[in-house]
């Protein structure tokens, strides 16, 4: 498969442009325009971007058509864009319109293809890719002789990796930091106590003995007493000869593509049984500061939220004050949970904590 250019997708652009022209002749409400964008316009490149590399310029051009159609009242008026495109791309339960961001959606669509490939090892394409690349899906390969097909597969594998849980057999294929093998989160996205110098670039097999049992001394050295018991409680599977991945979520609740797209959310939920506190502060030129703090369960359910305005001149101290607001809302029952995560966007405030 050759690498396709913008000119190769002229038909896709023509279809999208014809839809916009047809809809523009009708008197539609805002809700009607949003529905057409969501169900028809953004689905135009869906099939082709699942199986080949569509230039981002094509996807951004289609999104630009959607923005103009959503806000433009007539052909002679550009219209006011009241919010950025990322806001309508939020789920409806978060205040958005449920649009799909096409540049994120392409990886999610390819994740479904990769999952089907992993489930069908007798297929011709699996045997071909195994013979040529060794099926090292998450090892980035450089060079001019890498096929577009393999790059598409690796892009889907990157999106799929976030919600694959591995059943440990020998641990040879499982990366300690970036694969999910404890609960439903990889350690790289799970703030916890870990000796990063020891586990970086480490495979789970290094935590096992020659008899394929947990090396308790090594586990304790890398993860400490906090995570020690949880890891040692993980069973080593004997049902197969090599590590096998499984989906974290049931396909009855959502599709593989939906799981992959959902994993791109900016807010990373805590593991089940934990809660997460997020704090932030905004300093205005007038020295007015807005402090905010929110606590949520792993499913996004709100526990508590608080905020207030003060007068201050230092952004770092403002972030610290926002973090200290946690003391005012934390309750005794929270200490009985498996863990509490405190998250902010100021590295100095995090180090101070």
C-alpha atoms as a PDB file:
ATOM      1  CA  UNK A   1       0.000   0.000   0.000  1.00  0.00           C
ATOM      2  CA  UNK A   2       1.514   3.333  -1.045  1.00  0.00           C
ATOM      3  CA  UNK A   3       1.404   6.432   1.105  1.00  0.00           C
ATOM      4  CA  UNK A   4      -1.558   8.473  -0.101  1.00  0.00           C
ATOM      5  CA  UNK A   5      -1.498  12.249  -0.519  1.00  0.00           C
ATOM      6  CA  UNK A   6      -4.150  14.953  -0.130  1.00  0.00           C
ATOM      7  CA  UNK A   7      -5.011  14.686  -3.839  1.00  0.00           C
ATOM      8  CA  UNK A   8      -5.973  11.019  -3.415  1.00  0.00           C
ATOM      9  CA  UNK A   9      -8.848  12.006  -1.128  1.00  0.00           C
ATOM     10  CA  UNK A  10     -10.546  14.483  -3.455  1.00  0.00           C
ATOM     11  CA  UNK A  11     -13.607  12.219  -3.643  1.00  0.00           C
ATOM     12  CA  UNK A  12     -13.965  12.238   0.153  1.00  0.00           C
ATOM     13  CA  UNK A  13     -13.751  16.032   0.194  1.00  0.00           C
ATOM     14  CA  UNK A  14     -16.289  16.250  -2.643  1.00  0.00           C
ATOM     15  CA  UNK A  15     -18.816  14.111  -0.753  1.00  0.00           C
ATOM     16  CA  UNK A  16     -18.410  16.226   2.392  1.00  0.00           C
ATOM     17  CA  UNK A  17     -18.692  19.479   0.410  1.00  0.00           C
ATOM     18  CA  UNK A  18     -21.858  18.301  -1.372  1.00  0.00           C
ATOM     19  CA  UNK A  19     -23.487  17.472   1.964  1.00  0.00           C
ATOM     20  CA  UNK A  20     -22.762  20.950   3.305  1.00  0.00           C
ATOM     21  CA  UNK A  21     -24.107  22.598   0.137  1.00  0.00           C
ATOM     22  CA  UNK A  22     -27.307  20.553   0.265  1.00  0.00           C
ATOM     23  CA  UNK A  23     -27.952  21.252   3.957  1.00  0.00           C
ATOM     24  CA  UNK A  24     -27.135  24.946   3.588  1.00  0.00           C
ATOM     25  CA  UNK A  25     -30.197  25.468   1.403  1.00  0.00           C
ATOM     26  CA  UNK A  26     -32.540  24.388   4.177  1.00  0.00           C
ATOM     27  CA  UNK A  27     -33.705  26.254   7.261  1.00  0.00           C
ATOM     28  CA  UNK A  28     -32.344  24.190  10.138  1.00  0.00           C
ATOM     29  CA  UNK A  29     -32.241  24.824  13.860  1.00  0.00           C
ATOM     30  CA  UNK A  30     -28.978  24.673  15.791  1.00  0.00           C
ATOM     31  CA  UNK A  31     -29.919  21.205  17.080  1.00  0.00           C
ATOM     32  CA  UNK A  32     -30.673  20.058  13.534  1.00  0.00           C
ATOM     33  CA  UNK A  33     -27.298  21.266  12.251  1.00  0.00           C
ATOM     34  CA  UNK A  34     -25.506  19.589  15.153  1.00  0.00           C
ATOM     35  CA  UNK A  35     -27.299  16.293  14.499  1.00  0.00           C
ATOM     36  CA  UNK A  36     -26.369  16.316  10.794  1.00  0.00           C
ATOM     37  CA  UNK A  37     -22.716  17.059  11.589  1.00  0.00           C
ATOM     38  CA  UNK A  38     -22.547  14.277  14.169  1.00  0.00           C
ATOM     39  CA  UNK A  39     -24.341  11.556  12.206  1.00  0.00           C
ATOM     40  CA  UNK A  40     -23.436  12.345   8.594  1.00  0.00           C
ATOM     41  CA  UNK A  41     -20.586  14.775   7.973  1.00  0.00           C
ATOM     42  CA  UNK A  42     -18.054  13.404  10.479  1.00  0.00           C
ATOM     43  CA  UNK A  43     -18.753   9.843   9.298  1.00  0.00           C
ATOM     44  CA  UNK A  44     -17.735  10.579   5.675  1.00  0.00           C
ATOM     45  CA  UNK A  45     -14.013   9.680   6.103  1.00  0.00           C
ATOM     46  CA  UNK A  46     -14.663   6.975   8.712  1.00  0.00           C
ATOM     47  CA  UNK A  47     -14.160   3.890   6.533  1.00  0.00           C
ATOM     48  CA  UNK A  48     -11.131   5.116   4.621  1.00  0.00           C
ATOM     49  CA  UNK A  49      -9.268   6.423   7.680  1.00  0.00           C
ATOM     50  CA  UNK A  50      -9.758   3.036   9.373  1.00  0.00           C
ATOM     51  CA  UNK A  51      -7.659   1.229   6.781  1.00  0.00           C
ATOM     52  CA  UNK A  52      -5.168   3.777   5.445  1.00  0.00           C
ATOM     53  CA  UNK A  53      -3.304   6.906   6.415  1.00  0.00           C
ATOM     54  CA  UNK A  54      -5.512   9.907   5.772  1.00  0.00           C
ATOM     55  CA  UNK A  55      -3.543  13.187   5.970  1.00  0.00           C
ATOM     56  CA  UNK A  56      -4.565  15.318   8.935  1.00  0.00           C
ATOM     57  CA  UNK A  57      -5.143  18.180   6.496  1.00  0.00           C
ATOM     58  CA  UNK A  58      -8.144  16.267   5.063  1.00  0.00           C
ATOM     59  CA  UNK A  59      -9.611  15.549   8.493  1.00  0.00           C
ATOM     60  CA  UNK A  60      -9.120  19.128   9.658  1.00  0.00           C
ATOM     61  CA  UNK A  61     -10.730  20.440   6.467  1.00  0.00           C
ATOM     62  CA  UNK A  62     -13.842  18.335   7.102  1.00  0.00           C
ATOM     63  CA  UNK A  63     -13.993  19.552  10.691  1.00  0.00           C
ATOM     64  CA  UNK A  64     -13.654  23.123   9.376  1.00  0.00           C
ATOM     65  CA  UNK A  65     -16.710  22.523   7.181  1.00  0.00           C
ATOM     66  CA  UNK A  66     -18.575  21.325  10.247  1.00  0.00           C
ATOM     67  CA  UNK A  67     -17.601  24.392  12.279  1.00  0.00           C
ATOM     68  CA  UNK A  68     -18.735  26.771   9.581  1.00  0.00           C
ATOM     69  CA  UNK A  69     -22.012  24.931   9.047  1.00  0.00           C
ATOM     70  CA  UNK A  70     -22.696  24.872  12.788  1.00  0.00           C
ATOM     71  CA  UNK A  71     -22.176  28.605  13.378  1.00  0.00           C
ATOM     72  CA  UNK A  72     -22.694  30.226   9.964  1.00  0.00           C
ATOM     73  CA  UNK A  73     -26.244  31.573   9.634  1.00  0.00           C
ATOM     74  CA  UNK A  74     -26.123  32.213   5.888  1.00  0.00           C
ATOM     75  CA  UNK A  75     -23.710  32.157   2.950  1.00  0.00           C
ATOM     76  CA  UNK A  76     -22.847  35.848   3.383  1.00  0.00           C
ATOM     77  CA  UNK A  77     -22.123  35.703   7.114  1.00  0.00           C
ATOM     78  CA  UNK A  78     -19.245  33.884   8.767  1.00  0.00           C
ATOM     79  CA  UNK A  79     -21.036  33.688  12.102  1.00  0.00           C
ATOM     80  CA  UNK A  80     -19.682  33.903  15.627  1.00  0.00           C
ATOM     81  CA  UNK A  81     -17.925  30.759  16.901  1.00  0.00           C
ATOM     82  CA  UNK A  82     -18.995  30.918  20.534  1.00  0.00           C
ATOM     83  CA  UNK A  83     -16.817  28.018  21.742  1.00  0.00           C
ATOM     84  CA  UNK A  84     -13.788  26.155  20.421  1.00  0.00           C
ATOM     85  CA  UNK A  85     -14.221  22.936  18.455  1.00  0.00           C
ATOM     86  CA  UNK A  86     -12.967  20.840  21.369  1.00  0.00           C
ATOM     87  CA  UNK A  87     -16.044  21.782  23.422  1.00  0.00           C
ATOM     88  CA  UNK A  88     -18.646  20.304  21.003  1.00  0.00           C
ATOM     89  CA  UNK A  89     -16.379  17.236  20.799  1.00  0.00           C
ATOM     90  CA  UNK A  90     -16.972  16.545  24.492  1.00  0.00           C
ATOM     91  CA  UNK A  91     -19.587  13.885  25.444  1.00  0.00           C
ATOM     92  CA  UNK A  92     -23.092  15.170  26.063  1.00  0.00           C
ATOM     93  CA  UNK A  93     -22.874  14.311  29.774  1.00  0.00           C
ATOM     94  CA  UNK A  94     -19.904  16.697  30.012  1.00  0.00           C
ATOM     95  CA  UNK A  95     -21.699  19.544  28.269  1.00  0.00           C
ATOM     96  CA  UNK A  96     -20.594  18.832  24.689  1.00  0.00           C
ATOM     97  CA  UNK A  97     -22.519  17.816  21.575  1.00  0.00           C
ATOM     98  CA  UNK A  98     -20.975  14.352  21.263  1.00  0.00           C
ATOM     99  CA  UNK A  99     -18.966  15.124  18.104  1.00  0.00           C
ATOM    100  CA  UNK A 100     -15.962  12.954  17.350  1.00  0.00           C
ATOM    101  CA  UNK A 101     -12.580  14.618  16.922  1.00  0.00           C
ATOM    102  CA  UNK A 102     -11.439  12.974  13.687  1.00  0.00           C
ATOM    103  CA  UNK A 103      -7.716  13.021  14.485  1.00  0.00           C
ATOM    104  CA  UNK A 104      -8.423  11.053  17.693  1.00  0.00           C
ATOM    105  CA  UNK A 105     -11.160   8.923  16.166  1.00  0.00           C
ATOM    106  CA  UNK A 106      -8.881   7.367  13.515  1.00  0.00           C
ATOM    107  CA  UNK A 107      -6.732   5.624  16.144  1.00  0.00           C
ATOM    108  CA  UNK A 108      -9.860   4.350  17.902  1.00  0.00           C
ATOM    109  CA  UNK A 109     -11.241   2.899  14.659  1.00  0.00           C
ATOM    110  CA  UNK A 110      -7.949   1.159  13.953  1.00  0.00           C
ATOM    111  CA  UNK A 111      -7.939  -0.313  17.472  1.00  0.00           C
ATOM    112  CA  UNK A 112     -10.939  -2.449  16.466  1.00  0.00           C
ATOM    113  CA  UNK A 113      -9.019  -3.754  13.441  1.00  0.00           C
ATOM    114  CA  UNK A 114      -6.017  -4.666  15.617  1.00  0.00           C
ATOM    115  CA  UNK A 115      -8.193  -6.431  18.187  1.00  0.00           C
ATOM    116  CA  UNK A 116      -9.841  -8.524  15.462  1.00  0.00           C
ATOM    117  CA  UNK A 117      -6.366  -9.307  14.125  1.00  0.00           C
ATOM    118  CA  UNK A 118      -5.160 -10.532  17.527  1.00  0.00           C
ATOM    119  CA  UNK A 119      -8.224 -12.734  17.860  1.00  0.00           C
ATOM    120  CA  UNK A 120      -7.692 -14.374  14.466  1.00  0.00           C
ATOM    121  CA  UNK A 121      -4.154 -15.734  14.376  1.00  0.00           C
ATOM    122  CA  UNK A 122      -5.032 -18.021  11.447  1.00  0.00           C
ATOM    123  CA  UNK A 123      -5.729 -15.080   9.125  1.00  0.00           C
ATOM    124  CA  UNK A 124      -3.443 -14.436   6.177  1.00  0.00           C
ATOM    125  CA  UNK A 125      -2.592 -10.877   7.238  1.00  0.00           C
ATOM    126  CA  UNK A 126      -1.612 -12.030  10.742  1.00  0.00           C
ATOM    127  CA  UNK A 127       0.746 -14.668   9.338  1.00  0.00           C
ATOM    128  CA  UNK A 128       2.216 -12.177   6.865  1.00  0.00           C
ATOM    129  CA  UNK A 129       2.845  -9.475   9.500  1.00  0.00           C
ATOM    130  CA  UNK A 130       4.171 -12.046  11.963  1.00  0.00           C
ATOM    131  CA  UNK A 131       6.693 -13.287   9.409  1.00  0.00           C
ATOM    132  CA  UNK A 132       7.860  -9.789   8.434  1.00  0.00           C
ATOM    133  CA  UNK A 133       7.665  -7.772  11.669  1.00  0.00           C
ATOM    134  CA  UNK A 134       7.310 -10.354  14.427  1.00  0.00           C
ATOM    135  CA  UNK A 135       4.056  -8.766  15.648  1.00  0.00           C
ATOM    136  CA  UNK A 136       5.936  -6.376  17.948  1.00  0.00           C
ATOM    137  CA  UNK A 137       2.933  -4.064  17.868  1.00  0.00           C
ATOM    138  CA  UNK A 138       4.185  -1.551  20.403  1.00  0.00           C
ATOM    139  CA  UNK A 139       7.825  -1.356  19.350  1.00  0.00           C
ATOM    140  CA  UNK A 140       8.235   1.679  17.100  1.00  0.00           C
ATOM    141  CA  UNK A 141      10.130   0.727  13.958  1.00  0.00           C
ATOM    142  CA  UNK A 142      12.014   3.286  11.882  1.00  0.00           C
ATOM    143  CA  UNK A 143      13.021   3.128   8.242  1.00  0.00           C
ATOM    144  CA  UNK A 144      11.804   3.769   4.730  1.00  0.00           C
ATOM    145  CA  UNK A 145      10.860   0.134   4.123  1.00  0.00           C
ATOM    146  CA  UNK A 146       8.111   0.052   6.763  1.00  0.00           C
ATOM    147  CA  UNK A 147       4.786  -0.497   5.016  1.00  0.00           C
ATOM    148  CA  UNK A 148       1.800   1.814   5.440  1.00  0.00           C
ATOM    149  CA  UNK A 149      -0.261  -1.206   6.504  1.00  0.00           C
ATOM    150  CA  UNK A 150       2.079  -1.866   9.418  1.00  0.00           C
ATOM    151  CA  UNK A 151       1.998   1.807  10.439  1.00  0.00           C
ATOM    152  CA  UNK A 152      -1.822   1.716  10.458  1.00  0.00           C
ATOM    153  CA  UNK A 153      -1.722  -1.439  12.590  1.00  0.00           C
ATOM    154  CA  UNK A 154       0.716   0.147  15.039  1.00  0.00           C
ATOM    155  CA  UNK A 155      -1.421   3.279  15.310  1.00  0.00           C
ATOM    156  CA  UNK A 156      -4.405   1.111  16.248  1.00  0.00           C
ATOM    157  CA  UNK A 157      -2.284  -0.908  18.662  1.00  0.00           C
ATOM    158  CA  UNK A 158      -1.245   2.294  20.449  1.00  0.00           C
ATOM    159  CA  UNK A 159      -4.903   3.159  21.070  1.00  0.00           C
ATOM    160  CA  UNK A 160      -5.769  -0.441  21.977  1.00  0.00           C
ATOM    161  CA  UNK A 161      -2.983  -0.779  24.525  1.00  0.00           C
ATOM    162  CA  UNK A 162      -4.663   1.518  27.047  1.00  0.00           C
ATOM    163  CA  UNK A 163      -7.552  -0.873  27.727  1.00  0.00           C
ATOM    164  CA  UNK A 164      -5.937  -4.291  27.301  1.00  0.00           C
ATOM    165  CA  UNK A 165      -5.337  -6.235  30.506  1.00  0.00           C
ATOM    166  CA  UNK A 166      -2.716  -8.968  30.286  1.00  0.00           C
ATOM    167  CA  UNK A 167      -3.017 -12.437  31.778  1.00  0.00           C
ATOM    168  CA  UNK A 168       0.492 -13.218  32.981  1.00  0.00           C
ATOM    169  CA  UNK A 169       2.045 -16.538  31.903  1.00  0.00           C
ATOM    170  CA  UNK A 170       5.758 -15.803  31.537  1.00  0.00           C
ATOM    171  CA  UNK A 171       5.701 -11.986  31.420  1.00  0.00           C
ATOM    172  CA  UNK A 172       7.948 -11.747  28.346  1.00  0.00           C
ATOM    173  CA  UNK A 173       5.559  -9.496  26.401  1.00  0.00           C
ATOM    174  CA  UNK A 174       4.316  -7.273  29.227  1.00  0.00           C
ATOM    175  CA  UNK A 175       5.937  -3.907  29.886  1.00  0.00           C
ATOM    176  CA  UNK A 176       5.852  -3.069  33.595  1.00  0.00           C
ATOM    177  CA  UNK A 177       5.115   0.638  33.075  1.00  0.00           C
ATOM    178  CA  UNK A 178       3.011   0.877  29.918  1.00  0.00           C
ATOM    179  CA  UNK A 179       0.936  -2.315  29.849  1.00  0.00           C
ATOM    180  CA  UNK A 180      -2.078  -2.979  32.060  1.00  0.00           C
ATOM    181  CA  UNK A 181      -1.460  -5.951  34.361  1.00  0.00           C
ATOM    182  CA  UNK A 182      -2.540  -4.565  37.757  1.00  0.00           C
ATOM    183  CA  UNK A 183      -6.251  -3.750  38.037  1.00  0.00           C
ATOM    184  CA  UNK A 184      -7.314  -1.616  35.033  1.00  0.00           C
ATOM    185  CA  UNK A 185      -4.605   1.050  34.698  1.00  0.00           C
ATOM    186  CA  UNK A 186      -1.020   1.032  33.515  1.00  0.00           C
ATOM    187  CA  UNK A 187       1.464   2.242  36.090  1.00  0.00           C
ATOM    188  CA  UNK A 188       2.618   5.106  33.855  1.00  0.00           C
ATOM    189  CA  UNK A 189      -0.886   6.631  34.239  1.00  0.00           C
ATOM    190  CA  UNK A 190      -1.416   5.552  37.828  1.00  0.00           C
ATOM    191  CA  UNK A 191       0.244   7.793  40.432  1.00  0.00           C
ATOM    192  CA  UNK A 192       1.600   5.331  42.971  1.00  0.00           C
ATOM    193  CA  UNK A 193       4.753   4.407  44.836  1.00  0.00           C
ATOM    194  CA  UNK A 194       7.244   2.806  42.477  1.00  0.00           C
ATOM    195  CA  UNK A 195      11.016   2.763  42.025  1.00  0.00           C
ATOM    196  CA  UNK A 196      11.052   4.233  38.530  1.00  0.00           C
ATOM    197  CA  UNK A 197      14.785   3.606  38.015  1.00  0.00           C
ATOM    198  CA  UNK A 198      14.232  -0.111  38.544  1.00  0.00           C
ATOM    199  CA  UNK A 199      11.084  -0.650  36.464  1.00  0.00           C
ATOM    200  CA  UNK A 200      11.806   1.587  33.453  1.00  0.00           C
ATOM    201  CA  UNK A 201      12.102  -0.598  30.315  1.00  0.00           C
ATOM    202  CA  UNK A 202      11.486  -3.671  32.485  1.00  0.00           C
ATOM    203  CA  UNK A 203       9.297  -6.627  31.495  1.00  0.00           C
ATOM    204  CA  UNK A 204       7.108  -8.457  34.006  1.00  0.00           C
ATOM    205  CA  UNK A 205       9.240 -11.576  33.471  1.00  0.00           C
ATOM    206  CA  UNK A 206      11.981  -9.828  35.484  1.00  0.00           C
ATOM    207  CA  UNK A 207       9.653  -9.914  38.495  1.00  0.00           C
ATOM    208  CA  UNK A 208       9.241 -13.711  38.233  1.00  0.00           C
ATOM    209  CA  UNK A 209      11.469 -16.554  39.354  1.00  0.00           C
ATOM    210  CA  UNK A 210      12.665 -19.372  37.113  1.00  0.00           C
ATOM    211  CA  UNK A 211       9.655 -21.411  38.271  1.00  0.00           C
ATOM    212  CA  UNK A 212       7.330 -18.610  37.060  1.00  0.00           C
ATOM    213  CA  UNK A 213       6.306 -17.460  40.526  1.00  0.00           C
ATOM    214  CA  UNK A 214       6.530 -13.933  41.921  1.00  0.00           C
ATOM    215  CA  UNK A 215       9.986 -12.935  43.142  1.00  0.00           C
ATOM    216  CA  UNK A 216       8.858 -11.357  46.409  1.00  0.00           C
ATOM    217  CA  UNK A 217      12.180  -9.653  47.067  1.00  0.00           C
ATOM    218  CA  UNK A 218      12.259  -8.062  43.604  1.00  0.00           C
ATOM    219  CA  UNK A 219       8.608  -6.974  43.792  1.00  0.00           C
ATOM    220  CA  UNK A 220       9.136  -5.322  47.166  1.00  0.00           C
ATOM    221  CA  UNK A 221      12.295  -3.589  45.915  1.00  0.00           C
ATOM    222  CA  UNK A 222      10.491  -2.097  42.917  1.00  0.00           C
ATOM    223  CA  UNK A 223       7.085  -1.296  44.409  1.00  0.00           C
ATOM    224  CA  UNK A 224       7.510  -1.142  48.180  1.00  0.00           C
ATOM    225  CA  UNK A 225       5.056  -2.329  50.787  1.00  0.00           C
ATOM    226  CA  UNK A 226       2.126  -0.298  49.453  1.00  0.00           C
ATOM    227  CA  UNK A 227       1.821  -2.278  46.203  1.00  0.00           C
ATOM    228  CA  UNK A 228       3.616  -5.453  47.336  1.00  0.00           C
ATOM    229  CA  UNK A 229       0.573  -7.386  48.558  1.00  0.00           C
ATOM    230  CA  UNK A 230      -1.589  -6.397  45.586  1.00  0.00           C
ATOM    231  CA  UNK A 231       0.958  -7.634  43.045  1.00  0.00           C
ATOM    232  CA  UNK A 232       1.701 -10.892  44.878  1.00  0.00           C
ATOM    233  CA  UNK A 233      -2.045 -11.639  44.881  1.00  0.00           C
ATOM    234  CA  UNK A 234      -2.121 -11.690  41.045  1.00  0.00           C
ATOM    235  CA  UNK A 235      -2.363 -15.259  39.777  1.00  0.00           C
ATOM    236  CA  UNK A 236       0.107 -16.555  37.195  1.00  0.00           C
ATOM    237  CA  UNK A 237      -1.932 -18.238  34.465  1.00  0.00           C
ATOM    238  CA  UNK A 238      -1.192 -21.762  33.259  1.00  0.00           C
ATOM    239  CA  UNK A 239      -3.961 -21.893  30.648  1.00  0.00           C
ATOM    240  CA  UNK A 240      -1.669 -21.000  27.724  1.00  0.00           C
ATOM    241  CA  UNK A 241       1.980 -20.935  26.702  1.00  0.00           C
ATOM    242  CA  UNK A 242       2.352 -17.145  26.401  1.00  0.00           C
ATOM    243  CA  UNK A 243       0.885 -13.925  27.804  1.00  0.00           C
ATOM    244  CA  UNK A 244      -2.621 -13.215  26.527  1.00  0.00           C
ATOM    245  CA  UNK A 245      -4.424  -9.860  26.460  1.00  0.00           C
ATOM    246  CA  UNK A 246      -8.106  -9.339  27.205  1.00  0.00           C
ATOM    247  CA  UNK A 247     -10.367  -6.311  27.047  1.00  0.00           C
ATOM    248  CA  UNK A 248     -10.855  -4.494  30.343  1.00  0.00           C
ATOM    249  CA  UNK A 249     -14.458  -3.616  29.475  1.00  0.00           C
ATOM    250  CA  UNK A 250     -17.151  -5.899  28.082  1.00  0.00           C
ATOM    251  CA  UNK A 251     -18.004  -5.478  24.401  1.00  0.00           C
ATOM    252  CA  UNK A 252     -21.653  -5.712  25.443  1.00  0.00           C
ATOM    253  CA  UNK A 253     -21.367  -2.284  27.082  1.00  0.00           C
ATOM    254  CA  UNK A 254     -19.425  -0.495  24.302  1.00  0.00           C
ATOM    255  CA  UNK A 255     -17.560  -1.210  21.108  1.00  0.00           C
ATOM    256  CA  UNK A 256     -13.779  -1.495  20.902  1.00  0.00           C
ATOM    257  CA  UNK A 257     -13.633   1.808  19.008  1.00  0.00           C
ATOM    258  CA  UNK A 258     -15.703   3.511  21.735  1.00  0.00           C
ATOM    259  CA  UNK A 259     -13.364   2.152  24.423  1.00  0.00           C
ATOM    260  CA  UNK A 260     -10.349   3.505  22.545  1.00  0.00           C
ATOM    261  CA  UNK A 261     -11.909   6.924  21.966  1.00  0.00           C
ATOM    262  CA  UNK A 262     -12.987   7.186  25.589  1.00  0.00           C
ATOM    263  CA  UNK A 263      -9.425   6.509  26.715  1.00  0.00           C
ATOM    264  CA  UNK A 264      -8.346   9.835  25.114  1.00  0.00           C
ATOM    265  CA  UNK A 265     -10.176  11.848  27.768  1.00  0.00           C
ATOM    266  CA  UNK A 266      -8.022  14.465  29.460  1.00  0.00           C
ATOM    267  CA  UNK A 267      -9.150  13.420  32.943  1.00  0.00           C
ATOM    268  CA  UNK A 268      -7.599  10.102  33.909  1.00  0.00           C
ATOM    269  CA  UNK A 269      -9.889   8.315  36.398  1.00  0.00           C
ATOM    270  CA  UNK A 270      -8.441   6.615  39.470  1.00  0.00           C
ATOM    271  CA  UNK A 271      -8.597   2.817  39.882  1.00  0.00           C
ATOM    272  CA  UNK A 272     -11.795   1.315  41.349  1.00  0.00           C
ATOM    273  CA  UNK A 273     -11.921   1.808  45.099  1.00  0.00           C
ATOM    274  CA  UNK A 274      -9.859   5.008  44.910  1.00  0.00           C
ATOM    275  CA  UNK A 275     -10.860   8.660  44.706  1.00  0.00           C
ATOM    276  CA  UNK A 276      -9.065  11.531  42.995  1.00  0.00           C
ATOM    277  CA  UNK A 277      -8.769  15.163  44.088  1.00  0.00           C
ATOM    278  CA  UNK A 278      -8.031  17.698  41.339  1.00  0.00           C
ATOM    279  CA  UNK A 279      -7.045  21.234  42.325  1.00  0.00           C
ATOM    280  CA  UNK A 280      -6.251  24.346  40.322  1.00  0.00           C
ATOM    281  CA  UNK A 281      -5.878  28.125  40.671  1.00  0.00           C
ATOM    282  CA  UNK A 282      -6.208  30.979  38.172  1.00  0.00           C
ATOM    283  CA  UNK A 283      -4.451  34.319  38.770  1.00  0.00           C
ATOM    284  CA  UNK A 284      -5.835  37.383  36.958  1.00  0.00           C
ATOM    285  CA  UNK A 285      -3.907  40.620  36.217  1.00  0.00           C
ATOM    286  CA  UNK A 286      -6.111  42.335  38.820  1.00  0.00           C
ATOM    287  CA  UNK A 287      -4.609  40.004  41.495  1.00  0.00           C
ATOM    288  CA  UNK A 288      -7.949  38.244  41.845  1.00  0.00           C
ATOM    289  CA  UNK A 289      -7.434  34.494  42.247  1.00  0.00           C
ATOM    290  CA  UNK A 290      -9.953  31.737  41.674  1.00  0.00           C
ATOM    291  CA  UNK A 291      -9.309  28.546  43.674  1.00  0.00           C
ATOM    292  CA  UNK A 292     -11.020  25.287  42.772  1.00  0.00           C
ATOM    293  CA  UNK A 293     -10.999  21.683  43.955  1.00  0.00           C
ATOM    294  CA  UNK A 294     -13.052  18.633  42.961  1.00  0.00           C
ATOM    295  CA  UNK A 295     -13.138  14.988  44.114  1.00  0.00           C
ATOM    296  CA  UNK A 296     -14.481  12.116  42.006  1.00  0.00           C
ATOM    297  CA  UNK A 297     -14.816   8.330  42.004  1.00  0.00           C
ATOM    298  CA  UNK A 298     -13.305   6.142  39.270  1.00  0.00           C
ATOM    299  CA  UNK A 299     -16.546   6.318  37.268  1.00  0.00           C
ATOM    300  CA  UNK A 300     -16.516  10.133  37.307  1.00  0.00           C
ATOM    301  CA  UNK A 301     -19.243  10.437  39.960  1.00  0.00           C
ATOM    302  CA  UNK A 302     -18.863  13.679  41.872  1.00  0.00           C
ATOM    303  CA  UNK A 303     -18.089  13.472  45.596  1.00  0.00           C
ATOM    304  CA  UNK A 304     -17.432  17.093  46.460  1.00  0.00           C
ATOM    305  CA  UNK A 305     -16.505  20.349  44.718  1.00  0.00           C
ATOM    306  CA  UNK A 306     -15.512  23.666  46.212  1.00  0.00           C
ATOM    307  CA  UNK A 307     -14.106  27.003  45.105  1.00  0.00           C
ATOM    308  CA  UNK A 308     -13.609  30.574  46.251  1.00  0.00           C
ATOM    309  CA  UNK A 309     -12.099  33.898  45.212  1.00  0.00           C
ATOM    310  CA  UNK A 310      -9.237  35.576  47.052  1.00  0.00           C
ATOM    311  CA  UNK A 311      -6.795  38.398  46.384  1.00  0.00           C
ATOM    312  CA  UNK A 312      -3.170  37.359  45.854  1.00  0.00           C
ATOM    313  CA  UNK A 313      -0.149  38.128  43.674  1.00  0.00           C
ATOM    314  CA  UNK A 314       1.795  34.835  43.527  1.00  0.00           C
ATOM    315  CA  UNK A 315       0.661  31.996  41.252  1.00  0.00           C
ATOM    316  CA  UNK A 316       2.612  29.282  43.122  1.00  0.00           C
ATOM    317  CA  UNK A 317       1.159  30.230  46.510  1.00  0.00           C
ATOM    318  CA  UNK A 318      -2.275  30.333  44.877  1.00  0.00           C
ATOM    319  CA  UNK A 319      -1.826  26.742  43.676  1.00  0.00           C
ATOM    320  CA  UNK A 320      -0.720  25.732  47.183  1.00  0.00           C
ATOM    321  CA  UNK A 321      -3.804  27.357  48.696  1.00  0.00           C
ATOM    322  CA  UNK A 322      -5.984  25.441  46.237  1.00  0.00           C
ATOM    323  CA  UNK A 323      -4.286  22.191  47.269  1.00  0.00           C
ATOM    324  CA  UNK A 324      -4.702  22.971  50.956  1.00  0.00           C
ATOM    325  CA  UNK A 325      -8.461  23.267  50.411  1.00  0.00           C
ATOM    326  CA  UNK A 326      -8.495  19.454  50.379  1.00  0.00           C
ATOM    327  CA  UNK A 327      -8.020  19.489  54.156  1.00  0.00           C
ATOM    328  CA  UNK A 328     -11.349  21.291  54.516  1.00  0.00           C
ATOM    329  CA  UNK A 329     -13.392  18.626  52.713  1.00  0.00           C
ATOM    330  CA  UNK A 330     -11.619  15.321  53.397  1.00  0.00           C
ATOM    331  CA  UNK A 331     -13.614  12.997  55.648  1.00  0.00           C
ATOM    332  CA  UNK A 332     -12.745  10.019  57.837  1.00  0.00           C
ATOM    333  CA  UNK A 333     -14.425   7.447  55.575  1.00  0.00           C
ATOM    334  CA  UNK A 334     -12.075   8.381  52.722  1.00  0.00           C
ATOM    335  CA  UNK A 335      -9.125   6.936  54.651  1.00  0.00           C
ATOM    336  CA  UNK A 336     -10.808   3.518  54.519  1.00  0.00           C
ATOM    337  CA  UNK A 337     -10.608   3.428  50.703  1.00  0.00           C
ATOM    338  CA  UNK A 338      -7.832   1.681  48.780  1.00  0.00           C
ATOM    339  CA  UNK A 339      -6.153   4.986  47.989  1.00  0.00           C
ATOM    340  CA  UNK A 340      -6.420   8.718  47.401  1.00  0.00           C
ATOM    341  CA  UNK A 341      -4.826  10.531  44.450  1.00  0.00           C
ATOM    342  CA  UNK A 342      -4.159  14.277  44.482  1.00  0.00           C
ATOM    343  CA  UNK A 343      -3.565  15.820  41.049  1.00  0.00           C
ATOM    344  CA  UNK A 344      -2.679  19.312  39.875  1.00  0.00           C
ATOM    345  CA  UNK A 345      -0.940  21.019  36.947  1.00  0.00           C
ATOM    346  CA  UNK A 346       1.747  22.901  38.892  1.00  0.00           C
ATOM    347  CA  UNK A 347       4.888  20.801  39.387  1.00  0.00           C
ATOM    348  CA  UNK A 348       6.207  23.044  42.172  1.00  0.00           C
ATOM    349  CA  UNK A 349       2.965  22.712  44.128  1.00  0.00           C
ATOM    350  CA  UNK A 350       3.063  18.925  43.672  1.00  0.00           C
ATOM    351  CA  UNK A 351       6.666  18.793  44.957  1.00  0.00           C
ATOM    352  CA  UNK A 352       5.671  20.959  47.908  1.00  0.00           C
ATOM    353  CA  UNK A 353       2.840  18.524  48.727  1.00  0.00           C
END
